[in-house]
Amino acid sequence: MTRSSGSDARSTGDGERDILRAAVESGLDGLVVVSAEGRMISMNHQFVEMWPIPSDIVRSGDDEAALAVAMTRLVDPEAFIARVHEVYADPSGPVRDELHLRDGRVFDRYGTPLHSRSGTYIGWAWYFRDVTAERLVAEQAVRAGERFQQLARTLQESLLPPHLPEVPGLEIAARYLPGSSVVEVVGDFYDVFQTTSGGWALTIGDVCGKGVEAATVTALARYTIRAAAVTRSSPARVLMLLNEAMRRQHPDSERFVTATYLTVTHGQGVVAVRLSLAGHPPALHRRVDGSVDPVGEVGTVLGVLDDVELSDVDLVLEPGDCLVMYTDGVTEARRGSDLFGEDRLKDLVSRLDGPAGTVAARIEAEVVAFSEGQQSDDTAILVIRVPPAG
C-alpha cells in the first residue's frame, strides 16, 4: 500500500475544511462562535448580514463590543445581555428564545455550549434565524381566526331573540351557552312570540351540524315556525310545516332539526300548555311539590323524511309549577367519560324552587361546573314558570 505524502494529507485536510466552511456559510442560520475567553473566533456571512457589526469589531473579535452594538438594535436590550451573561456564567446546557429588534424583525436565537473531547468547556455557539415572515403569518392567522370567531358569534346571536317578551301571568327565562371549543356558528335556537289568537308560543331546537348551512337551516326553522303559527294552532302541525319547508328547500341536505314547540294559553285561572316534540328531549315539568316528570312524545326529527309522526300533548301548569326545555348540550356535557345525563338533570330540577331566571341560571352553572368549563357543544335552556299564588 502506498502511503500518502505530506502534501497530499495537507491537501485533503484543506479540502475538508473548505467543505465544512461552505456548509456553515450555506445554512439558513447566522452563526457566531465565542471562545471561553470571550472572543469571537468564527462567524458566517449570514450573521454579519443579520447583525451589521462594524468591520473593526469583527476583525478584533471583541465579543463585548459586538454585544454592545447588538443591544442598540433590540427592543429589550437589558433582557438580552442578562441572558448572555447568565449562560456564559453557567454553560450547562443549550438555550432558546426570541429576540425582537427595533426595526420590526424577529430572530429565533439558539445557543449551545461547546466542549472538548475531554468534556472541558471551550466556548459557545450562537445560531440566529430570521423568523419575521413566519411570525407575521402566524399573527395574521390568529387575527383572522379571532375575526372569524367574532363573526360566527355575531351570526349566532342574530339567530336568537335579543330579549324575551313580557308575558302576563308567566315568568320566562332563557340561557345560551356557547361551546368552549366551537368557532363556527351552530344550530341551537329558541324563540318566544305572541300568536294571532292572543296566546303565546315557545320553541327550542337544535340543528345538526355547524357552519353557514347550519345557520341557514336555523334561520329557516325559526322563521318558518313563526309563519306557520299564524295559520296553525296545533304544535304538531306547525312542526310538520317546518318539515315540509326543509324538504322543499334543502331536499339533499344531511342537516336535520330536533325541536320542541308549544303554545300557552290562560283560561279560568289555569295555564294550559299544548306541546309537540320532533326528535327533541322531553320537557321537564316540575310541580310545586318538587316532583318532576318528562312531558311529550318524542316524534320524528325534521328534514329527513317527507312524512313525520308528531303528536300534541296537553299539560296544565299550576301556580308554582315550571317547565324546563333544553338542547342536548345539557345532558351530553362531559367530565371525562361521564355524561351529565338526564337523571342528573331531573334531580337538579327537582331541587330548584325559584323564579324562572334562577332555575335557568342554576342549570347553566351546574353544567359548566360539571364539564369544568369545557362544553364541546352549545347549550340552550328555556324555562317557563307560573308564579306562586299570592
Protein backbone atom coordinates (compact mmCIF):
# COMPACT_ATOMS: atom_id res chain seq x y z
CA MET A 1 0.00 0.00 0.00
CA THR A 2 1.33 3.41 -0.97
CA ARG A 3 1.30 5.99 1.83
CA SER A 4 0.02 9.49 1.08
CA SER A 5 2.64 12.16 1.03
CA GLY A 6 2.56 15.07 3.48
CA SER A 7 1.41 17.42 0.75
CA ASP A 8 -1.45 15.07 -0.13
CA ALA A 9 -2.52 14.94 3.54
CA ARG A 10 -2.43 18.70 3.81
CA SER A 11 -4.42 19.00 0.60
CA THR A 12 -7.01 16.58 1.96
CA GLY A 13 -7.23 18.49 5.24
CA ASP A 14 -7.63 21.81 3.42
CA GLY A 15 -10.37 20.31 1.27
CA GLU A 16 -12.29 19.03 4.28
CA ARG A 17 -12.04 22.41 5.96
CA ASP A 18 -13.29 24.07 2.77
CA ILE A 19 -16.27 21.71 2.72
CA LEU A 20 -17.07 22.42 6.38
CA ARG A 21 -16.73 26.14 5.81
CA ALA A 22 -19.01 26.01 2.76
CA ALA A 23 -21.58 24.03 4.75
CA VAL A 24 -21.61 26.66 7.52
CA GLU A 25 -21.91 29.51 5.03
CA SER A 26 -24.75 27.90 3.07
CA GLY A 27 -27.03 27.35 6.08
CA LEU A 28 -30.11 29.39 6.94
CA ASP A 29 -28.77 30.46 10.31
CA GLY A 30 -26.42 33.22 11.27
CA LEU A 31 -23.64 31.63 13.32
CA VAL A 32 -21.04 33.08 15.66
CA VAL A 33 -18.68 31.07 17.87
CA VAL A 34 -17.32 32.66 21.05
CA SER A 35 -14.36 31.20 22.91
CA ALA A 36 -14.40 30.54 26.65
CA GLU A 37 -12.25 33.68 26.98
CA GLY A 38 -14.91 35.83 25.33
CA ARG A 39 -13.54 36.28 21.81
CA MET A 40 -15.47 35.80 18.59
CA ILE A 41 -13.37 33.23 16.76
CA SER A 42 -15.69 32.39 13.86
CA MET A 43 -18.81 33.72 12.15
CA ASN A 44 -20.55 33.26 8.82
CA HIS A 45 -21.80 35.89 6.40
CA GLN A 46 -25.45 35.36 7.46
CA PHE A 47 -24.53 36.51 10.96
CA VAL A 48 -22.76 39.59 9.62
CA GLU A 49 -25.77 40.48 7.47
CA MET A 50 -28.26 39.95 10.29
CA TRP A 51 -26.19 41.92 12.80
CA PRO A 52 -24.37 44.67 10.86
CA ILE A 53 -21.45 44.91 13.28
CA PRO A 54 -18.64 47.34 12.29
CA SER A 55 -15.78 45.64 10.47
CA ASP A 56 -13.17 46.76 13.01
CA ILE A 57 -15.08 44.97 15.81
CA VAL A 58 -15.41 41.88 13.61
CA ARG A 59 -11.64 41.90 12.98
CA SER A 60 -10.87 42.40 16.65
CA GLY A 61 -13.10 39.52 17.74
CA ASP A 62 -14.21 41.56 20.78
CA ASP A 63 -17.44 39.86 21.85
CA GLU A 64 -18.33 42.50 24.46
CA ALA A 65 -18.07 45.24 21.84
CA ALA A 66 -20.24 43.22 19.45
CA LEU A 67 -22.82 42.69 22.19
CA ALA A 68 -22.89 46.43 22.88
CA VAL A 69 -23.69 47.10 19.21
CA ALA A 70 -26.38 44.40 19.19
CA MET A 71 -28.05 45.94 22.25
CA THR A 72 -28.66 49.19 20.36
CA ARG A 73 -30.81 47.27 17.88
CA LEU A 74 -33.01 45.37 20.33
CA VAL A 75 -36.39 46.20 21.84
CA ASP A 76 -35.32 44.76 25.22
CA PRO A 77 -31.53 45.04 25.42
CA GLU A 78 -31.35 44.50 29.18
CA ALA A 79 -33.02 41.09 28.99
CA PHE A 80 -30.79 40.17 26.05
CA ILE A 81 -27.48 40.93 27.77
CA ALA A 82 -28.64 39.43 31.07
CA ARG A 83 -29.37 36.15 29.31
CA VAL A 84 -25.98 36.14 27.58
CA HIS A 85 -24.09 36.73 30.83
CA GLU A 86 -26.21 34.10 32.58
CA VAL A 87 -25.36 31.32 30.12
CA TYR A 88 -21.71 32.30 29.93
CA ALA A 89 -21.50 32.07 33.72
CA ASP A 90 -23.19 28.67 33.76
CA PRO A 91 -22.73 26.94 30.37
CA SER A 92 -24.56 23.82 31.45
CA GLY A 93 -26.93 23.39 28.53
CA PRO A 94 -28.48 24.88 25.41
CA VAL A 95 -30.91 27.82 25.47
CA ARG A 96 -33.52 29.11 23.03
CA ASP A 97 -35.59 32.30 22.88
CA GLU A 98 -36.80 35.05 20.57
CA LEU A 99 -35.29 38.46 20.04
CA HIS A 100 -37.38 41.40 18.87
CA LEU A 101 -35.48 44.12 17.03
CA ARG A 102 -36.37 47.78 16.84
CA ASP A 103 -36.70 47.57 13.06
CA GLY A 104 -39.51 45.00 13.40
CA ARG A 105 -37.52 41.87 12.72
CA VAL A 106 -37.80 38.81 14.93
CA PHE A 107 -34.88 36.41 15.44
CA ASP A 108 -35.07 32.90 16.77
CA ARG A 109 -31.93 32.52 18.92
CA TYR A 110 -30.41 29.17 19.85
CA GLY A 111 -27.25 28.85 21.87
CA THR A 112 -25.29 25.81 22.93
CA PRO A 113 -22.08 25.26 24.93
CA LEU A 114 -19.12 23.66 23.17
CA HIS A 115 -16.93 21.05 24.89
CA SER A 116 -13.71 19.32 24.00
CA ARG A 117 -13.50 15.55 23.76
CA SER A 118 -12.39 15.50 27.38
CA GLY A 119 -15.50 17.43 28.40
CA THR A 120 -13.82 20.76 29.02
CA TYR A 121 -15.90 23.83 28.20
CA ILE A 122 -14.22 25.62 25.30
CA GLY A 123 -16.77 28.11 24.06
CA TRP A 124 -20.30 28.91 22.96
CA ALA A 125 -22.08 28.76 19.61
CA TRP A 126 -24.94 31.14 18.84
CA TYR A 127 -27.34 30.48 15.98
CA PHE A 128 -29.77 33.15 14.74
CA ARG A 129 -32.61 32.67 12.28
CA ASP A 130 -34.81 35.46 10.93
CA VAL A 131 -38.41 34.30 11.58
CA THR A 132 -40.08 37.64 10.94
CA ALA A 133 -42.12 36.37 7.98
CA GLU A 134 -43.25 33.24 9.85
CA ARG A 135 -44.31 35.24 12.91
CA LEU A 136 -46.21 37.71 10.71
CA VAL A 137 -48.10 34.88 9.03
CA ALA A 138 -48.87 33.35 12.44
CA GLU A 139 -50.13 36.68 13.81
CA GLN A 140 -52.30 37.22 10.74
CA ALA A 141 -53.75 33.73 11.16
CA VAL A 142 -54.56 34.44 14.80
CA ARG A 143 -56.20 37.75 13.92
CA ALA A 144 -58.16 36.11 11.11
CA GLY A 145 -59.29 33.37 13.48
CA GLU A 146 -60.39 35.94 16.05
CA ARG A 147 -62.33 37.85 13.40
CA PHE A 148 -63.95 34.64 12.16
CA GLN A 149 -64.90 33.64 15.67
CA GLN A 150 -66.43 37.06 16.33
CA LEU A 151 -68.40 36.90 13.08
CA ALA A 152 -69.61 33.40 13.95
CA ARG A 153 -70.78 34.52 17.38
CA THR A 154 -72.44 37.61 15.91
CA LEU A 155 -74.31 35.42 13.44
CA GLN A 156 -75.23 33.02 16.23
CA GLU A 157 -76.63 35.84 18.33
CA SER A 158 -78.63 37.14 15.37
CA LEU A 159 -80.46 33.81 15.31
CA LEU A 160 -81.63 34.28 18.90
CA PRO A 161 -84.12 36.86 20.16
CA PRO A 162 -82.28 39.88 21.59
CA HIS A 163 -84.63 39.83 24.59
CA LEU A 164 -87.62 37.84 25.73
CA PRO A 165 -91.07 39.45 25.77
CA GLU A 166 -93.00 40.08 28.97
CA VAL A 167 -95.80 37.50 29.13
CA PRO A 168 -98.64 38.37 31.56
CA GLY A 169 -99.01 35.76 34.26
CA LEU A 170 -95.84 33.89 33.35
CA GLU A 171 -92.13 34.03 34.06
CA ILE A 172 -89.94 33.16 31.06
CA ALA A 173 -86.15 32.88 31.07
CA ALA A 174 -83.55 31.57 28.63
CA ARG A 175 -79.85 30.88 28.77
CA TYR A 176 -77.50 30.27 25.87
CA LEU A 177 -74.04 28.84 26.50
CA PRO A 178 -71.61 28.65 23.55
CA GLY A 179 -69.38 25.60 23.34
CA SER A 180 -65.86 26.42 24.52
CA SER A 181 -64.14 24.81 21.54
CA VAL A 182 -66.54 25.93 18.83
CA VAL A 183 -65.56 28.77 16.49
CA GLU A 184 -68.31 28.16 13.94
CA VAL A 185 -71.94 29.07 14.25
CA VAL A 186 -74.01 26.15 15.44
CA GLY A 187 -77.70 25.34 15.40
CA ASP A 188 -79.12 25.78 18.90
CA PHE A 189 -82.03 28.24 18.92
CA TYR A 190 -85.06 29.32 20.93
CA ASP A 191 -87.87 31.82 20.45
CA VAL A 192 -90.88 33.27 22.28
CA PHE A 193 -93.64 35.16 20.46
CA GLN A 194 -97.33 36.01 20.63
CA THR A 195 -99.73 34.18 18.33
CA THR A 196 -102.57 35.73 16.36
CA SER A 197 -105.08 34.11 18.73
CA GLY A 198 -103.68 36.11 21.64
CA GLY A 199 -101.82 33.21 23.21
CA TRP A 200 -98.08 32.67 23.32
CA ALA A 201 -95.75 30.25 21.59
CA LEU A 202 -92.34 28.99 22.67
CA THR A 203 -89.87 26.90 20.73
CA ILE A 204 -86.42 25.48 21.27
CA GLY A 205 -84.42 23.43 18.80
CA ASP A 206 -81.11 22.10 17.62
CA VAL A 207 -79.86 21.92 14.04
CA CYS A 208 -77.44 19.11 13.31
CA GLY A 209 -74.00 20.41 12.34
CA LYS A 210 -72.17 23.71 12.25
CA GLY A 211 -71.25 26.43 9.82
CA VAL A 212 -73.10 28.51 7.26
CA GLU A 213 -75.50 25.74 6.19
CA ALA A 214 -76.49 25.10 9.81
CA ALA A 215 -77.09 28.83 10.27
CA THR A 216 -79.28 28.84 7.16
CA VAL A 217 -81.36 25.95 8.46
CA THR A 218 -81.60 27.58 11.89
CA ALA A 219 -82.96 30.79 10.37
CA LEU A 220 -85.38 28.77 8.22
CA ALA A 221 -86.61 26.86 11.28
CA ARG A 222 -87.16 29.88 13.47
CA TYR A 223 -88.99 31.99 10.90
CA THR A 224 -90.97 29.12 9.38
CA ILE A 225 -92.31 28.29 12.85
CA ARG A 226 -93.39 31.89 13.30
CA ALA A 227 -95.10 31.91 9.91
CA ALA A 228 -96.79 28.55 10.43
CA ALA A 229 -98.14 29.65 13.81
CA VAL A 230 -100.29 32.23 12.02
CA THR A 231 -102.46 29.55 10.39
CA ARG A 232 -101.94 26.53 12.62
CA SER A 233 -102.86 26.16 16.29
CA SER A 234 -101.62 22.58 16.66
CA PRO A 235 -97.92 22.44 17.62
CA ALA A 236 -97.57 19.15 15.72
CA ARG A 237 -98.95 20.78 12.56
CA VAL A 238 -96.57 23.73 12.93
CA LEU A 239 -93.61 21.34 13.10
CA MET A 240 -94.94 19.37 10.13
CA LEU A 241 -94.97 22.55 8.07
CA LEU A 242 -91.37 23.17 9.07
CA ASN A 243 -90.50 19.67 7.89
CA GLU A 244 -92.19 20.36 4.54
CA ALA A 245 -90.25 23.62 4.17
CA MET A 246 -86.94 21.91 4.93
CA ARG A 247 -87.61 19.09 2.46
CA ARG A 248 -88.63 21.58 -0.21
CA GLN A 249 -85.73 24.00 0.22
CA HIS A 250 -82.97 21.53 1.16
CA PRO A 251 -84.02 18.16 -0.30
CA ASP A 252 -80.45 16.80 -0.49
CA SER A 253 -79.15 18.26 2.74
CA GLU A 254 -77.92 15.97 5.51
CA ARG A 255 -78.99 18.54 8.10
CA PHE A 256 -81.86 17.72 10.39
CA VAL A 257 -83.59 19.57 13.19
CA THR A 258 -84.86 18.46 16.56
CA ALA A 259 -87.37 20.83 18.10
CA THR A 260 -89.93 21.44 20.80
CA TYR A 261 -92.83 23.75 20.05
CA LEU A 262 -95.61 24.62 22.49
CA THR A 263 -98.48 27.05 22.92
CA VAL A 264 -99.52 28.63 26.20
CA THR A 265 -102.99 29.99 26.98
CA HIS A 266 -104.58 31.37 30.14
CA GLY A 267 -108.09 30.37 31.00
CA GLN A 268 -110.22 30.06 34.12
CA GLY A 269 -107.27 30.54 36.45
CA VAL A 270 -105.05 27.89 34.89
CA VAL A 271 -102.23 27.89 32.33
CA ALA A 272 -102.83 25.38 29.54
CA VAL A 273 -99.87 24.11 27.53
CA ARG A 274 -100.01 22.11 24.30
CA LEU A 275 -96.66 20.70 23.26
CA SER A 276 -95.11 18.67 20.45
CA LEU A 277 -91.63 17.14 20.15
CA ALA A 278 -89.77 16.45 16.92
CA GLY A 279 -86.95 14.18 18.00
CA HIS A 280 -86.17 16.55 20.85
CA PRO A 281 -85.62 15.67 24.53
CA PRO A 282 -88.85 15.79 26.55
CA ALA A 283 -89.55 18.91 28.58
CA LEU A 284 -89.37 18.55 32.36
CA HIS A 285 -92.47 19.52 34.33
CA ARG A 286 -91.58 20.47 37.90
CA ARG A 287 -94.53 20.73 40.21
CA VAL A 288 -94.63 22.92 43.27
CA ASP A 289 -94.07 19.84 45.49
CA GLY A 290 -90.73 19.14 43.77
CA SER A 291 -91.83 16.15 41.70
CA VAL A 292 -90.55 16.13 38.11
CA ASP A 293 -92.00 14.33 35.08
CA PRO A 294 -90.94 14.31 31.43
CA VAL A 295 -93.55 15.72 29.07
CA GLY A 296 -94.05 14.98 25.39
CA GLU A 297 -93.94 12.10 22.92
CA VAL A 298 -90.63 12.13 21.09
CA GLY A 299 -91.55 12.21 17.41
CA THR A 300 -89.59 12.18 14.16
CA VAL A 301 -86.70 14.55 13.56
CA LEU A 302 -87.36 17.17 10.89
CA GLY A 303 -85.80 17.50 7.45
CA VAL A 304 -85.05 13.83 6.75
CA LEU A 305 -88.36 12.19 5.78
CA ASP A 306 -91.29 13.52 3.79
CA ASP A 307 -93.75 12.09 6.29
CA VAL A 308 -93.17 12.56 10.01
CA GLU A 309 -95.03 11.26 13.04
CA LEU A 310 -95.72 14.01 15.56
CA SER A 311 -98.33 14.36 18.27
CA ASP A 312 -99.68 17.00 20.63
CA VAL A 313 -99.63 16.56 24.40
CA ASP A 314 -101.70 18.73 26.76
CA LEU A 315 -100.48 19.88 30.15
CA VAL A 316 -101.81 22.18 32.87
CA LEU A 317 -99.38 24.29 34.87
CA GLU A 318 -100.47 25.18 38.39
CA PRO A 319 -99.15 28.15 40.38
CA GLY A 320 -95.52 27.42 41.33
CA ASP A 321 -95.04 24.89 38.50
CA CYS A 322 -92.35 25.31 35.89
CA LEU A 323 -91.48 23.68 32.58
CA VAL A 324 -87.82 23.25 31.61
CA MET A 325 -86.80 22.79 27.97
CA TYR A 326 -83.21 22.31 26.82
CA THR A 327 -80.96 21.15 24.00
CA ASP A 328 -78.75 18.08 24.24
CA GLY A 329 -75.73 20.20 25.16
CA VAL A 330 -77.06 19.95 28.74
CA THR A 331 -77.37 16.19 29.07
CA GLU A 332 -74.33 15.47 26.87
CA ALA A 333 -71.96 17.73 28.81
CA ARG A 334 -68.94 15.64 29.76
CA ARG A 335 -66.48 15.22 32.56
CA GLY A 336 -64.04 12.70 31.16
CA SER A 337 -66.21 9.78 30.03
CA ASP A 338 -69.08 10.70 32.38
CA LEU A 339 -72.15 12.45 30.93
CA PHE A 340 -74.26 14.98 32.82
CA GLY A 341 -77.23 12.87 31.75
CA GLU A 342 -81.00 13.00 32.09
CA ASP A 343 -81.13 11.59 35.62
CA ARG A 344 -78.74 14.21 36.99
CA LEU A 345 -80.73 16.96 35.25
CA LYS A 346 -84.03 15.64 36.59
CA ASP A 347 -82.63 15.50 40.12
CA LEU A 348 -81.30 19.05 39.77
CA VAL A 349 -84.62 20.43 38.52
CA SER A 350 -86.46 18.80 41.42
CA ARG A 351 -84.35 20.86 43.82
CA LEU A 352 -84.80 24.20 42.03
CA ASP A 353 -87.62 26.14 43.63
CA GLY A 354 -87.48 29.75 42.49
CA PRO A 355 -88.10 32.20 39.64
CA ALA A 356 -87.62 31.04 36.06
CA GLY A 357 -84.44 33.09 35.72
CA THR A 358 -82.93 31.43 38.78
CA VAL A 359 -83.82 27.96 37.52
CA ALA A 360 -82.25 28.57 34.09
CA ALA A 361 -79.12 30.15 35.58
CA ARG A 362 -78.63 27.30 38.07
CA ILE A 363 -78.90 24.66 35.34
CA GLU A 364 -76.32 26.52 33.27
CA ALA A 365 -73.99 26.88 36.27
CA GLU A 366 -74.24 23.19 37.13
CA VAL A 367 -73.46 22.17 33.54
CA VAL A 368 -70.43 24.49 33.43
CA ALA A 369 -69.16 23.19 36.77
CA PHE A 370 -69.70 19.55 35.78
CA SER A 371 -67.82 19.93 32.48
CA GLU A 372 -65.19 22.18 34.10
CA GLY A 373 -65.91 24.90 31.57
CA GLN A 374 -65.16 22.69 28.57
CA GLN A 375 -68.50 22.28 26.85
CA SER A 376 -67.98 20.68 23.46
CA ASP A 377 -71.43 21.72 22.23
CA ASP A 378 -73.56 24.81 22.51
CA THR A 379 -76.36 24.68 25.05
CA ALA A 380 -79.77 26.38 25.16
CA ILE A 381 -82.15 26.36 28.13
CA LEU A 382 -85.71 27.74 28.12
CA VAL A 383 -87.84 27.86 31.28
CA ILE A 384 -91.45 28.98 31.84
CA ARG A 385 -92.95 29.22 35.33
CA VAL A 386 -96.32 30.14 36.76
CA PRO A 387 -95.71 32.45 39.73
CA PRO A 388 -96.98 31.09 43.06
CA ALA A 389 -100.40 32.31 44.13
CA GLY A 390 -100.45 35.33 46.42
